Amino acid sequence: NQCYVAYANYSGYEDAIHYCGLSSIVGPQGLILNQTGQQEGLVGAKLDRNALNASRNATPYLLDRRPELYRQLANQ
């Protein structure tokens, strides 16, 4: 969606449930910028506004929106 995503997940076990971890920060082109792995951890990354703008300029899919098709839904 050409935005940055920060995803946090549990890691380890809770009763019979195993959580895989892999908390991540992902860039606007879908590349993983940083990830914790399967252990507990803290993840951080530098977000680059120029990378975001370049992604949006290269693929301007938001120009294809047709708000007239969903405007009525948004106003309910």
Protein backbone atom coordinates (compact mmCIF):
# COMPACT_ATOMS: atom_id res chain seq x y z
CA ASN A 1 0.00 0.00 0.00
CA GLN A 2 3.00 2.26 -0.34
CA CYS A 3 3.24 3.03 3.35
CA TYR A 4 5.44 1.91 6.20
CA VAL A 5 4.09 -0.89 8.38
CA ALA A 6 5.17 -1.72 11.93
CA TYR A 7 3.95 -5.18 12.96
CA ALA A 8 4.29 -6.52 16.49
CA ASN A 9 3.73 -10.18 17.35
CA TYR A 10 4.10 -12.33 20.44
CA SER A 11 6.99 -14.77 20.67
CA GLY A 12 7.38 -17.95 22.66
CA TYR A 13 4.72 -20.15 24.22
CA GLU A 14 1.50 -19.50 26.08
CA ASP A 15 -0.02 -22.80 27.19
CA ALA A 16 -0.28 -24.91 24.01
CA ILE A 17 0.02 -21.95 21.65
CA HIS A 18 3.35 -21.15 20.00
CA TYR A 19 3.84 -17.59 18.77
CA CYS A 20 6.45 -17.17 16.06
CA GLY A 21 7.56 -13.61 16.80
CA LEU A 22 8.95 -11.96 13.67
CA SER A 23 7.88 -8.45 14.65
CA SER A 24 8.81 -6.33 11.65
CA ILE A 25 9.07 -2.92 10.10
CA VAL A 26 8.38 -3.02 6.37
CA GLY A 27 9.00 -0.29 3.80
CA PRO A 28 6.63 1.09 1.17
CA GLN A 29 7.87 -1.35 -1.47
CA GLY A 30 7.35 -4.39 0.75
CA LEU A 31 10.99 -4.84 1.81
CA ILE A 32 11.65 -5.84 5.43
CA LEU A 33 13.70 -3.05 7.00
CA ASN A 34 14.18 -4.77 10.36
CA GLN A 35 12.82 -7.84 12.12
CA THR A 36 13.19 -9.39 15.58
CA GLY A 37 13.37 -13.04 14.66
CA GLN A 38 11.61 -15.62 16.82
CA GLN A 39 12.82 -14.28 20.16
CA GLU A 40 11.65 -11.31 22.21
CA GLY A 41 13.18 -8.07 21.10
CA LEU A 42 12.86 -4.46 20.18
CA VAL A 43 12.95 -3.47 16.55
CA GLY A 44 13.54 -0.06 15.00
CA ALA A 45 14.26 1.42 11.59
CA LYS A 46 14.86 4.75 9.95
CA LEU A 47 11.87 5.74 7.81
CA ASP A 48 12.85 7.63 4.68
CA ARG A 49 10.31 10.09 3.28
CA ASN A 50 12.19 10.11 -0.05
CA ALA A 51 11.74 6.33 -0.44
CA LEU A 52 8.03 6.74 0.26
CA ASN A 53 7.69 9.50 -2.36
CA ALA A 54 9.73 7.54 -4.92
CA SER A 55 7.49 4.50 -4.47
CA ARG A 56 4.35 6.58 -4.89
CA ASN A 57 5.76 8.34 -7.96
CA ALA A 58 6.86 5.08 -9.61
CA THR A 59 3.45 3.46 -9.15
CA PRO A 60 0.74 6.12 -8.67
CA TYR A 61 -2.08 3.60 -8.20
CA LEU A 62 -4.07 6.00 -6.01
CA LEU A 63 -4.85 7.95 -9.20
CA ASP A 64 -6.98 4.96 -10.26
CA ARG A 65 -9.41 5.40 -7.39
CA ARG A 66 -13.06 5.98 -8.25
CA PRO A 67 -14.54 7.59 -5.13
CA GLU A 68 -17.90 8.05 -6.82
CA LEU A 69 -18.35 4.28 -6.50
CA TYR A 70 -17.94 4.23 -2.71
CA ARG A 71 -18.85 7.75 -1.60
CA GLN A 72 -22.31 6.63 -0.49
CA LEU A 73 -20.80 3.92 1.71
CA ALA A 74 -18.44 6.40 3.34
CA ASN A 75 -21.28 8.78 4.21
CA GLN A 76 -23.36 6.22 6.16
